[in-house]
Amino acid sequence: MSSRRLTSAQAVVAEIRDPEIPTAAIVEMGMVNAMYEEGDALVVEILPTFTGCPALPVIVATVESELTGAGLGPVRVITRADLPWTTAMITAEGRRQVAAFGIVPPSSRRLVAEEITCPNCHQRNVALVSRFGATPCRATARCRSCGEPLEVFKPIGVSPG
């Protein structure tokens, strides 16, 4: 791939947001596995955050549309379900972006309510309400200090240690 095309493609993809967490870029979320040229096509490999993620078709269509619109086509997006995505792939900036949306970023270990800091009052006084949230990658909690309901990004694919 020409370095100019690759650099342009990386800049375009860096601006694409997760439709479920619009403050978070898919690159910062660790969802872009690779970009390369195959023949005359620009190929982008996307890692789904979990099987059946409802945002995936939107992300794929947005990547195709944005790159084609930037004159970088033809574009082919490959969903790599054979490679596991984990929350450890979220960058420090991605964690800030998740928090900016009001979701508690994932811990580096298992989900433990005592380790969750409320993004509203910054207290560690959180009760886990349910391990199931609005999406399979989130849990619900409530801050005992300020009373706010919280969404917590579950650690996925990390060791329980």
N, C-alpha and C. Protein backbone atom coordinates (compact mmCIF):
# COMPACT_ATOMS: atom_id res chain seq x y z
N MET A 1 0.85 -1.17 0.00
CA MET A 1 0.00 0.00 0.00
C MET A 1 0.89 1.23 0.00
N SER A 2 0.52 2.18 -0.81
CA SER A 2 1.32 3.39 -0.81
C SER A 2 1.19 4.05 0.55
N SER A 3 2.29 4.63 1.02
CA SER A 3 2.26 5.23 2.35
C SER A 3 1.27 6.38 2.39
N ARG A 4 1.07 7.07 1.28
CA ARG A 4 0.12 8.18 1.25
C ARG A 4 -1.33 7.67 1.40
N ARG A 5 -1.66 6.60 0.69
CA ARG A 5 -3.01 6.03 0.79
C ARG A 5 -3.24 5.47 2.19
N LEU A 6 -2.25 4.77 2.72
CA LEU A 6 -2.38 4.20 4.06
C LEU A 6 -2.53 5.30 5.11
N THR A 7 -1.70 6.33 5.03
CA THR A 7 -1.77 7.44 5.98
C THR A 7 -3.13 8.11 5.91
N SER A 8 -3.63 8.33 4.71
CA SER A 8 -4.95 8.94 4.54
C SER A 8 -6.04 8.04 5.10
N ALA A 9 -5.95 6.73 4.83
CA ALA A 9 -6.95 5.79 5.32
C ALA A 9 -6.94 5.73 6.84
N GLN A 10 -5.76 5.73 7.44
CA GLN A 10 -5.66 5.70 8.90
C GLN A 10 -6.29 6.93 9.52
N ALA A 11 -6.09 8.08 8.90
CA ALA A 11 -6.67 9.33 9.42
C ALA A 11 -8.20 9.30 9.33
N VAL A 12 -8.72 8.77 8.23
CA VAL A 12 -10.18 8.68 8.07
C VAL A 12 -10.77 7.72 9.09
N VAL A 13 -10.19 6.54 9.21
CA VAL A 13 -10.72 5.52 10.12
C VAL A 13 -10.59 5.97 11.58
N ALA A 14 -9.56 6.74 11.90
CA ALA A 14 -9.38 7.23 13.27
C ALA A 14 -10.53 8.12 13.73
N GLU A 15 -11.27 8.67 12.79
CA GLU A 15 -12.39 9.56 13.14
C GLU A 15 -13.73 8.82 13.26
N ILE A 16 -13.76 7.54 12.90
CA ILE A 16 -15.02 6.78 12.93
C ILE A 16 -15.31 6.35 14.36
N ARG A 17 -16.53 6.62 14.79
CA ARG A 17 -16.95 6.34 16.16
C ARG A 17 -17.80 5.08 16.25
N ASP A 18 -17.80 4.49 17.43
CA ASP A 18 -18.65 3.35 17.74
C ASP A 18 -20.08 3.90 17.87
N PRO A 19 -21.04 3.41 17.08
CA PRO A 19 -22.38 3.97 17.15
C PRO A 19 -23.07 3.78 18.51
N GLU A 20 -22.62 2.81 19.30
CA GLU A 20 -23.20 2.61 20.63
C GLU A 20 -22.52 3.48 21.69
N ILE A 21 -21.30 3.94 21.40
CA ILE A 21 -20.56 4.81 22.30
C ILE A 21 -19.97 5.92 21.42
N PRO A 22 -20.75 6.90 21.04
CA PRO A 22 -20.33 7.88 20.03
C PRO A 22 -19.13 8.75 20.39
N THR A 23 -18.70 8.72 21.63
CA THR A 23 -17.49 9.46 21.98
C THR A 23 -16.23 8.62 21.73
N ALA A 24 -16.41 7.33 21.46
CA ALA A 24 -15.27 6.40 21.34
C ALA A 24 -14.98 6.05 19.89
N ALA A 25 -13.73 6.24 19.50
CA ALA A 25 -13.28 5.89 18.15
C ALA A 25 -13.04 4.38 18.07
N ILE A 26 -13.39 3.79 16.92
CA ILE A 26 -13.20 2.33 16.78
C ILE A 26 -11.73 1.95 16.86
N VAL A 27 -10.83 2.83 16.44
CA VAL A 27 -9.39 2.54 16.54
C VAL A 27 -8.99 2.49 18.00
N GLU A 28 -9.45 3.46 18.79
CA GLU A 28 -9.11 3.51 20.22
C GLU A 28 -9.75 2.36 21.00
N MET A 29 -10.85 1.84 20.46
CA MET A 29 -11.51 0.69 21.09
C MET A 29 -10.81 -0.62 20.74
N GLY A 30 -9.81 -0.56 19.86
CA GLY A 30 -9.07 -1.76 19.48
C GLY A 30 -9.78 -2.63 18.46
N MET A 31 -10.73 -2.05 17.75
CA MET A 31 -11.53 -2.82 16.80
C MET A 31 -10.92 -2.93 15.41
N VAL A 32 -9.92 -2.10 15.09
CA VAL A 32 -9.29 -2.17 13.77
C VAL A 32 -8.04 -3.03 13.90
N ASN A 33 -8.11 -4.21 13.31
CA ASN A 33 -7.00 -5.16 13.41
C ASN A 33 -5.89 -4.84 12.41
N ALA A 34 -6.26 -4.49 11.18
CA ALA A 34 -5.26 -4.23 10.14
C ALA A 34 -5.88 -3.46 8.99
N MET A 35 -5.02 -2.76 8.25
CA MET A 35 -5.38 -2.12 6.98
C MET A 35 -4.26 -2.42 6.01
N TYR A 36 -4.64 -2.90 4.83
CA TYR A 36 -3.64 -3.22 3.83
C TYR A 36 -4.28 -3.21 2.44
N GLU A 37 -3.42 -3.28 1.44
CA GLU A 37 -3.90 -3.33 0.07
C GLU A 37 -3.88 -4.76 -0.43
N GLU A 38 -4.93 -5.12 -1.17
CA GLU A 38 -4.99 -6.44 -1.81
C GLU A 38 -5.47 -6.17 -3.23
N GLY A 39 -4.55 -6.26 -4.18
CA GLY A 39 -4.87 -5.82 -5.53
C GLY A 39 -5.05 -4.32 -5.49
N ASP A 40 -6.16 -3.83 -6.04
CA ASP A 40 -6.41 -2.39 -5.97
C ASP A 40 -7.33 -2.01 -4.81
N ALA A 41 -7.75 -3.00 -4.01
CA ALA A 41 -8.68 -2.74 -2.91
C ALA A 41 -7.94 -2.40 -1.62
N LEU A 42 -8.51 -1.48 -0.88
CA LEU A 42 -8.06 -1.18 0.47
C LEU A 42 -8.87 -2.10 1.38
N VAL A 43 -8.17 -2.93 2.14
CA VAL A 43 -8.83 -3.90 3.02
C VAL A 43 -8.67 -3.44 4.46
N VAL A 44 -9.79 -3.43 5.18
CA VAL A 44 -9.79 -3.07 6.59
C VAL A 44 -10.35 -4.26 7.36
N GLU A 45 -9.58 -4.76 8.32
CA GLU A 45 -10.03 -5.86 9.17
C GLU A 45 -10.58 -5.31 10.47
N ILE A 46 -11.83 -5.65 10.76
CA ILE A 46 -12.51 -5.20 11.98
C ILE A 46 -12.72 -6.38 12.91
N LEU A 47 -12.46 -6.15 14.20
CA LEU A 47 -12.71 -7.16 15.22
C LEU A 47 -14.02 -6.80 15.94
N PRO A 48 -15.01 -7.69 15.91
CA PRO A 48 -16.23 -7.41 16.67
C PRO A 48 -15.94 -7.51 18.17
N THR A 49 -16.59 -6.65 18.94
CA THR A 49 -16.37 -6.70 20.40
C THR A 49 -17.00 -7.92 21.02
N PHE A 50 -18.05 -8.44 20.39
CA PHE A 50 -18.63 -9.71 20.82
C PHE A 50 -19.48 -10.25 19.68
N THR A 51 -19.74 -11.55 19.68
CA THR A 51 -20.54 -12.18 18.65
C THR A 51 -21.94 -11.61 18.66
N GLY A 52 -22.40 -11.21 17.49
CA GLY A 52 -23.75 -10.67 17.38
C GLY A 52 -23.86 -9.20 17.74
N CYS A 53 -22.75 -8.50 17.85
CA CYS A 53 -22.78 -7.07 18.19
C CYS A 53 -23.67 -6.33 17.19
N PRO A 54 -24.74 -5.68 17.65
CA PRO A 54 -25.65 -5.01 16.72
C PRO A 54 -25.04 -3.79 16.04
N ALA A 55 -23.96 -3.26 16.57
CA ALA A 55 -23.32 -2.09 15.96
C ALA A 55 -22.42 -2.48 14.79
N LEU A 56 -22.06 -3.74 14.68
CA LEU A 56 -21.10 -4.17 13.67
C LEU A 56 -21.50 -3.81 12.23
N PRO A 57 -22.73 -4.09 11.80
CA PRO A 57 -23.09 -3.72 10.42
C PRO A 57 -22.99 -2.20 10.17
N VAL A 58 -23.30 -1.42 11.18
CA VAL A 58 -23.20 0.04 11.05
C VAL A 58 -21.74 0.45 10.94
N ILE A 59 -20.88 -0.15 11.75
CA ILE A 59 -19.44 0.16 11.70
C ILE A 59 -18.87 -0.21 10.35
N VAL A 60 -19.19 -1.40 9.85
CA VAL A 60 -18.70 -1.85 8.54
C VAL A 60 -19.15 -0.89 7.45
N ALA A 61 -20.43 -0.53 7.44
CA ALA A 61 -20.96 0.38 6.42
C ALA A 61 -20.31 1.76 6.52
N THR A 62 -20.06 2.22 7.74
CA THR A 62 -19.44 3.53 7.92
C THR A 62 -18.00 3.53 7.44
N VAL A 63 -17.25 2.48 7.74
CA VAL A 63 -15.87 2.38 7.26
C VAL A 63 -15.84 2.40 5.74
N GLU A 64 -16.69 1.58 5.12
CA GLU A 64 -16.75 1.54 3.65
C GLU A 64 -17.11 2.91 3.08
N SER A 65 -18.14 3.52 3.63
CA SER A 65 -18.64 4.80 3.14
C SER A 65 -17.61 5.93 3.31
N GLU A 66 -17.01 6.01 4.47
CA GLU A 66 -16.06 7.10 4.75
C GLU A 66 -14.79 6.98 3.89
N LEU A 67 -14.28 5.76 3.76
CA LEU A 67 -13.07 5.58 2.95
C LEU A 67 -13.35 5.80 1.47
N THR A 68 -14.49 5.30 1.00
CA THR A 68 -14.87 5.52 -0.40
C THR A 68 -15.11 7.00 -0.65
N GLY A 69 -15.80 7.66 0.28
CA GLY A 69 -16.06 9.09 0.16
C GLY A 69 -14.80 9.93 0.17
N ALA A 70 -13.75 9.43 0.79
CA ALA A 70 -12.47 10.13 0.82
C ALA A 70 -11.62 9.83 -0.42
N GLY A 71 -12.19 9.07 -1.36
CA GLY A 71 -11.47 8.74 -2.59
C GLY A 71 -10.43 7.65 -2.41
N LEU A 72 -10.58 6.82 -1.39
CA LEU A 72 -9.59 5.79 -1.10
C LEU A 72 -10.04 4.40 -1.53
N GLY A 73 -11.17 4.31 -2.24
CA GLY A 73 -11.71 3.03 -2.67
C GLY A 73 -10.97 2.48 -3.86
N PRO A 74 -11.30 1.30 -4.27
CA PRO A 74 -12.32 0.43 -3.68
C PRO A 74 -11.91 -0.07 -2.30
N VAL A 75 -12.94 -0.31 -1.48
CA VAL A 75 -12.73 -0.71 -0.08
C VAL A 75 -13.44 -2.03 0.18
N ARG A 76 -12.78 -2.87 0.96
CA ARG A 76 -13.41 -4.11 1.41
C ARG A 76 -13.16 -4.23 2.91
N VAL A 77 -14.23 -4.41 3.66
CA VAL A 77 -14.12 -4.57 5.11
C VAL A 77 -14.34 -6.03 5.45
N ILE A 78 -13.42 -6.58 6.21
CA ILE A 78 -13.51 -7.98 6.64
C ILE A 78 -13.75 -7.99 8.14
N THR A 79 -14.75 -8.73 8.56
CA THR A 79 -15.02 -8.92 9.98
C THR A 79 -14.27 -10.17 10.42
N ARG A 80 -13.33 -10.02 11.33
CA ARG A 80 -12.48 -11.12 11.79
C ARG A 80 -13.04 -11.75 13.06
N ALA A 81 -14.05 -12.57 12.92
CA ALA A 81 -14.63 -13.27 14.07
C ALA A 81 -13.69 -14.36 14.60
N ASP A 82 -12.67 -14.71 13.82
CA ASP A 82 -11.72 -15.74 14.25
C ASP A 82 -10.66 -15.20 15.20
N LEU A 83 -10.57 -13.89 15.33
CA LEU A 83 -9.60 -13.29 16.25
C LEU A 83 -10.35 -12.70 17.43
N PRO A 84 -9.96 -13.03 18.64
CA PRO A 84 -10.69 -12.52 19.80
C PRO A 84 -10.35 -11.07 20.12
N TRP A 85 -11.38 -10.26 20.31
CA TRP A 85 -11.22 -8.91 20.82
C TRP A 85 -11.32 -8.98 22.33
N THR A 86 -10.51 -8.20 23.04
CA THR A 86 -10.61 -8.13 24.49
C THR A 86 -10.62 -6.67 24.92
N THR A 87 -11.10 -6.41 26.10
CA THR A 87 -11.11 -5.04 26.60
C THR A 87 -9.69 -4.54 26.87
N ALA A 88 -8.72 -5.44 26.93
CA ALA A 88 -7.33 -5.02 27.08
C ALA A 88 -6.84 -4.28 25.83
N MET A 89 -7.56 -4.42 24.71
CA MET A 89 -7.18 -3.76 23.47
C MET A 89 -7.62 -2.30 23.42
N ILE A 90 -8.46 -1.89 24.37
CA ILE A 90 -8.88 -0.49 24.43
C ILE A 90 -7.71 0.34 24.93
N THR A 91 -7.36 1.38 24.18
CA THR A 91 -6.24 2.24 24.56
C THR A 91 -6.61 3.12 25.74
N ALA A 92 -5.62 3.78 26.31
CA ALA A 92 -5.89 4.73 27.40
C ALA A 92 -6.83 5.83 26.91
N GLU A 93 -6.63 6.30 25.69
CA GLU A 93 -7.52 7.31 25.12
C GLU A 93 -8.93 6.73 24.94
N GLY A 94 -9.02 5.50 24.52
CA GLY A 94 -10.31 4.84 24.37
C GLY A 94 -11.04 4.74 25.70
N ARG A 95 -10.32 4.46 26.77
CA ARG A 95 -10.92 4.40 28.10
C ARG A 95 -11.47 5.78 28.50
N ARG A 96 -10.72 6.83 28.17
CA ARG A 96 -11.20 8.19 28.44
C ARG A 96 -12.46 8.49 27.61
N GLN A 97 -12.45 8.02 26.36
CA GLN A 97 -13.61 8.25 25.49
C GLN A 97 -14.84 7.51 25.99
N VAL A 98 -14.66 6.30 26.48
CA VAL A 98 -15.77 5.52 27.05
C VAL A 98 -16.32 6.26 28.28
N ALA A 99 -15.42 6.72 29.15
CA ALA A 99 -15.83 7.44 30.36
C ALA A 99 -16.54 8.75 30.01
N ALA A 100 -16.10 9.41 28.95
CA ALA A 100 -16.73 10.67 28.53
C ALA A 100 -18.18 10.45 28.12
N PHE A 101 -18.52 9.24 27.72
CA PHE A 101 -19.90 8.92 27.36
C PHE A 101 -20.73 8.56 28.59
N GLY A 102 -20.05 8.43 29.72
CA GLY A 102 -20.76 8.12 30.96
C GLY A 102 -20.77 6.65 31.32
N ILE A 103 -19.96 5.87 30.65
CA ILE A 103 -19.85 4.44 30.95
C ILE A 103 -18.54 4.22 31.69
N VAL A 104 -18.60 3.48 32.76
CA VAL A 104 -17.39 3.17 33.51
C VAL A 104 -16.53 2.26 32.64
N PRO A 105 -15.27 2.67 32.35
CA PRO A 105 -14.40 1.81 31.52
C PRO A 105 -14.14 0.47 32.19
N PRO A 106 -13.79 -0.55 31.40
CA PRO A 106 -13.54 -1.87 31.98
C PRO A 106 -12.29 -1.89 32.84
N SER A 107 -12.33 -2.73 33.86
CA SER A 107 -11.14 -2.94 34.67
C SER A 107 -10.23 -3.89 33.91
N SER A 108 -9.04 -4.04 34.40
CA SER A 108 -8.10 -4.95 33.74
C SER A 108 -8.27 -6.38 34.23
N ARG A 109 -9.18 -6.56 35.18
CA ARG A 109 -9.43 -7.89 35.72
C ARG A 109 -10.93 -8.17 35.68
N ARG A 110 -11.42 -8.96 36.60
CA ARG A 110 -12.84 -9.29 36.64
C ARG A 110 -13.66 -8.11 37.14
N LEU A 111 -14.96 -8.19 36.97
CA LEU A 111 -15.88 -7.15 37.39
C LEU A 111 -16.11 -7.23 38.90
N VAL A 112 -15.60 -6.25 39.63
CA VAL A 112 -15.74 -6.21 41.08
C VAL A 112 -16.29 -4.83 41.45
N ALA A 113 -17.48 -4.80 42.06
CA ALA A 113 -18.15 -3.53 42.38
C ALA A 113 -17.28 -2.62 43.25
N GLU A 114 -16.54 -3.20 44.17
CA GLU A 114 -15.70 -2.41 45.08
C GLU A 114 -14.57 -1.67 44.37
N GLU A 115 -14.27 -2.07 43.14
CA GLU A 115 -13.19 -1.43 42.39
C GLU A 115 -13.70 -0.39 41.40
N ILE A 116 -15.02 -0.21 41.34
CA ILE A 116 -15.61 0.73 40.39
C ILE A 116 -15.68 2.12 41.02
N THR A 117 -15.18 3.11 40.30
CA THR A 117 -15.28 4.50 40.74
C THR A 117 -16.40 5.17 39.97
N CYS A 118 -17.31 5.80 40.68
CA CYS A 118 -18.43 6.49 40.07
C CYS A 118 -17.89 7.66 39.23
N PRO A 119 -18.26 7.75 37.95
CA PRO A 119 -17.77 8.86 37.13
C PRO A 119 -18.44 10.20 37.48
N ASN A 120 -19.51 10.16 38.27
CA ASN A 120 -20.21 11.40 38.63
C ASN A 120 -19.64 12.04 39.90
N CYS A 121 -19.53 11.26 40.98
CA CYS A 121 -19.06 11.82 42.25
C CYS A 121 -17.65 11.35 42.61
N HIS A 122 -17.10 10.43 41.82
CA HIS A 122 -15.73 9.92 41.97
C HIS A 122 -15.51 9.15 43.27
N GLN A 123 -16.58 8.56 43.79
CA GLN A 123 -16.49 7.74 44.99
C GLN A 123 -16.45 6.26 44.61
N ARG A 124 -15.78 5.48 45.43
CA ARG A 124 -15.78 4.01 45.26
C ARG A 124 -16.79 3.43 46.23
N ASN A 125 -18.05 3.65 45.90
CA ASN A 125 -19.13 3.18 46.76
C ASN A 125 -20.26 2.72 45.83
N VAL A 126 -19.96 1.72 45.03
CA VAL A 126 -20.86 1.29 43.97
C VAL A 126 -21.39 -0.12 44.25
N ALA A 127 -22.66 -0.29 43.97
CA ALA A 127 -23.30 -1.61 44.10
C ALA A 127 -23.62 -2.12 42.69
N LEU A 128 -23.25 -3.35 42.43
CA LEU A 128 -23.59 -3.97 41.16
C LEU A 128 -25.06 -4.37 41.21
N VAL A 129 -25.84 -3.85 40.26
CA VAL A 129 -27.27 -4.15 40.21
C VAL A 129 -27.50 -5.43 39.41
N SER A 130 -26.82 -5.53 38.25
CA SER A 130 -26.97 -6.71 37.40
C SER A 130 -25.73 -6.86 36.52
N ARG A 131 -25.33 -8.08 36.31
CA ARG A 131 -24.21 -8.33 35.40
C ARG A 131 -24.65 -8.17 33.94
N PHE A 132 -25.93 -7.90 33.72
CA PHE A 132 -26.48 -7.73 32.38
C PHE A 132 -26.94 -6.30 32.23
N GLY A 133 -26.53 -5.66 31.13
CA GLY A 133 -26.89 -4.28 30.90
C GLY A 133 -27.58 -4.10 29.57
N ALA A 134 -27.52 -2.88 29.04
CA ALA A 134 -28.18 -2.54 27.79
C ALA A 134 -27.63 -3.35 26.61
N THR A 135 -26.38 -3.72 26.69
CA THR A 135 -25.76 -4.57 25.67
C THR A 135 -25.00 -5.67 26.40
N PRO A 136 -24.65 -6.77 25.71
CA PRO A 136 -23.94 -7.86 26.39
C PRO A 136 -22.58 -7.48 26.97
N CYS A 137 -22.00 -6.36 26.51
CA CYS A 137 -20.68 -5.97 27.03
C CYS A 137 -20.77 -5.04 28.23
N ARG A 138 -21.98 -4.77 28.71
CA ARG A 138 -22.14 -3.84 29.83
C ARG A 138 -22.92 -4.48 30.98
N ALA A 139 -22.66 -3.98 32.17
CA ALA A 139 -23.40 -4.35 33.38
C ALA A 139 -24.04 -3.08 33.93
N THR A 140 -24.98 -3.23 34.85
CA THR A 140 -25.59 -2.05 35.47
C THR A 140 -25.22 -2.02 36.94
N ALA A 141 -25.04 -0.79 37.42
CA ALA A 141 -24.65 -0.58 38.82
C ALA A 141 -25.32 0.70 39.30
N ARG A 142 -25.18 0.97 40.59
CA ARG A 142 -25.70 2.21 41.17
C ARG A 142 -24.70 2.69 42.20
N CYS A 143 -24.45 3.99 42.17
CA CYS A 143 -23.55 4.59 43.15
C CYS A 143 -24.33 4.80 44.44
N ARG A 144 -23.80 4.27 45.52
CA ARG A 144 -24.45 4.44 46.83
C ARG A 144 -24.27 5.85 47.38
N SER A 145 -23.23 6.55 46.92
CA SER A 145 -22.97 7.90 47.42
C SER A 145 -23.88 8.95 46.80
N CYS A 146 -23.96 8.95 45.46
CA CYS A 146 -24.76 9.99 44.79
C CYS A 146 -26.08 9.45 44.24
N GLY A 147 -26.26 8.12 44.26
CA GLY A 147 -27.51 7.52 43.81
C GLY A 147 -27.66 7.34 42.31
N GLU A 148 -26.66 7.76 41.54
CA GLU A 148 -26.76 7.68 40.08
C GLU A 148 -26.68 6.23 39.59
N PRO A 149 -27.52 5.89 38.60
CA PRO A 149 -27.37 4.58 37.95
C PRO A 149 -26.15 4.65 37.03
N LEU A 150 -25.45 3.54 36.90
CA LEU A 150 -24.23 3.50 36.10
C LEU A 150 -24.26 2.34 35.13
N GLU A 151 -23.67 2.56 33.96
CA GLU A 151 -23.37 1.46 33.06
C GLU A 151 -21.89 1.18 33.22
N VAL A 152 -21.54 -0.08 33.31
CA VAL A 152 -20.15 -0.48 33.52
C VAL A 152 -19.75 -1.39 32.37
N PHE A 153 -18.66 -1.05 31.69
CA PHE A 153 -18.14 -1.89 30.61
C PHE A 153 -17.51 -3.11 31.26
N LYS A 154 -17.98 -4.29 30.90
CA LYS A 154 -17.46 -5.53 31.47
C LYS A 154 -16.06 -5.82 30.92
N PRO A 155 -15.16 -6.32 31.75
CA PRO A 155 -13.88 -6.80 31.21
C PRO A 155 -14.13 -8.07 30.41
N ILE A 156 -13.68 -8.07 29.18
CA ILE A 156 -13.91 -9.21 28.28
C ILE A 156 -12.57 -9.78 27.85
N GLY A 157 -12.40 -11.07 28.00
CA GLY A 157 -11.20 -11.74 27.54
C GLY A 157 -9.97 -11.43 28.36
N VAL A 158 -10.15 -11.03 29.62
CA VAL A 158 -9.01 -10.76 30.49
C VAL A 158 -8.97 -11.81 31.58
N SER A 159 -7.81 -11.99 32.17
CA SER A 159 -7.69 -13.01 33.21
C SER A 159 -8.42 -12.55 34.47
N PRO A 160 -9.02 -13.48 35.20
CA PRO A 160 -9.79 -13.12 36.38
C PRO A 160 -8.93 -12.66 37.54
N GLY A 161 -7.60 -12.84 37.47
CA GLY A 161 -6.67 -12.51 38.54
C GLY A 161 -6.89 -11.24 39.15
